[in-house]
Each structure stands twice: as C-alpha cells, then as structure tokens.
C-alpha cells in the first residue's frame, strides 16, 4: 500500500483541522492538497499529517503517560 494510503488509515476525526492549523490553511484546503500530489503544498501537508499521527501514537502507546486532573494523577486505562 502507498504511503498516502497508510497515513489515511491512521487518521482520525479532527486531524484535517489540526493539519490546517499547523499550516495556517483551512481544513478543506489541507484535505484537497493531500488528494493532489502535484500541488505545491502536498509535501507540507503530508509532513504535518505524519507528525500528527506519530505524536498521537507516541502519546497513546507510552505506558508512563499519566493524566493530571484536579491535582490527582489518573493512570491511562489499559484497553
């Protein structure tokens, strides 16, 4: 499978909005740039998506991640 297909599978709701904010463009423009490999923003969009997906995976897979809520530490539940 292509790199774009792999990234597409790992994306979640709200990622286009986040990519748009990172690049300073609208979410729809980020999505359309991703669909057009000849677009000048294409490398930037792919790079931003990679960072978003990578950071989410890193955050969720590290078992030492704790969430601090109201001065209590709540461990991330194991699913």
Protein backbone atom coordinates (compact mmCIF):
# COMPACT_ATOMS: atom_id res chain seq x y z
CA UNK A 1 0.00 0.00 0.00
CA UNK A 2 1.15 3.52 -0.68
CA UNK A 3 2.39 5.91 1.94
CA UNK A 4 -0.71 8.07 1.47
CA UNK A 5 -2.97 5.06 2.00
CA UNK A 6 -1.19 4.15 5.22
CA UNK A 7 -1.48 7.70 6.51
CA UNK A 8 -5.15 7.81 5.55
CA UNK A 9 -5.88 4.67 7.58
CA UNK A 10 -4.21 6.11 10.69
CA UNK A 11 -6.00 9.45 10.57
CA UNK A 12 -8.85 10.23 12.95
CA UNK A 13 -11.65 12.75 13.17
CA UNK A 14 -10.32 16.27 13.55
CA UNK A 15 -6.91 15.63 12.02
CA UNK A 16 -7.60 17.74 8.94
CA UNK A 17 -8.47 20.69 11.16
CA UNK A 18 -5.27 20.21 13.13
CA UNK A 19 -3.18 19.95 9.95
CA UNK A 20 -4.86 23.10 8.68
CA UNK A 21 -4.00 24.97 11.87
CA UNK A 22 -0.40 23.77 11.73
CA UNK A 23 -0.01 25.01 8.16
CA UNK A 24 -2.17 28.12 8.51
CA UNK A 25 -4.74 27.00 5.96
CA UNK A 26 -8.32 25.76 6.15
CA UNK A 27 -9.01 22.09 6.85
CA UNK A 28 -10.66 21.64 3.46
CA UNK A 29 -7.62 23.09 1.69
CA UNK A 30 -5.35 20.69 3.58
CA UNK A 31 -7.55 17.78 2.52
CA UNK A 32 -7.66 18.85 -1.12
CA UNK A 33 -3.89 19.38 -1.16
CA UNK A 34 -3.46 15.83 0.14
CA UNK A 35 -5.54 14.49 -2.74
CA UNK A 36 -3.40 16.32 -5.32
CA UNK A 37 0.22 15.09 -5.35
CA UNK A 38 1.22 17.81 -7.82
CA UNK A 39 0.05 20.58 -5.50
CA UNK A 40 2.80 22.82 -4.11
CA UNK A 41 1.51 22.28 -0.54
CA UNK A 42 1.43 18.49 -0.87
CA UNK A 43 4.83 17.83 0.83
CA UNK A 44 3.93 20.18 3.70
CA UNK A 45 0.53 18.54 4.21
CA UNK A 46 1.99 15.02 4.20
CA UNK A 47 4.70 16.08 6.65
CA UNK A 48 2.15 17.65 9.00
CA UNK A 49 -0.07 14.55 8.85
CA UNK A 50 2.91 12.33 9.63
CA UNK A 51 3.76 14.44 12.67
CA UNK A 52 0.16 14.43 13.94
CA UNK A 53 -0.17 10.65 13.58
CA UNK A 54 3.30 9.99 15.01
CA UNK A 55 2.72 12.20 18.05
CA UNK A 56 -0.69 10.64 18.74
CA UNK A 57 0.76 7.12 18.57
CA UNK A 58 3.67 8.11 20.79
CA UNK A 59 1.33 9.68 23.34
CA UNK A 60 -1.06 6.73 23.43
CA UNK A 61 1.49 3.90 23.42
CA UNK A 62 3.74 5.18 26.19
CA UNK A 63 2.53 3.41 29.37
CA UNK A 64 4.09 6.08 31.58
CA UNK A 65 1.68 8.73 30.33
CA UNK A 66 -0.43 9.98 33.18
CA UNK A 67 -3.24 12.47 33.03
CA UNK A 68 -3.34 15.11 35.77
CA UNK A 69 -6.90 16.06 36.73
CA UNK A 70 -7.71 18.31 39.71
CA UNK A 71 -4.36 17.64 41.42
CA UNK A 72 -4.88 13.86 41.20
CA UNK A 73 -2.98 11.58 38.88
CA UNK A 74 -5.14 9.20 36.92
CA UNK A 75 -3.35 6.45 35.06
CA UNK A 76 -4.33 5.83 31.47
CA UNK A 77 -6.63 2.79 31.35
CA UNK A 78 -5.43 -0.31 29.55
CA UNK A 79 -7.70 -1.40 26.78
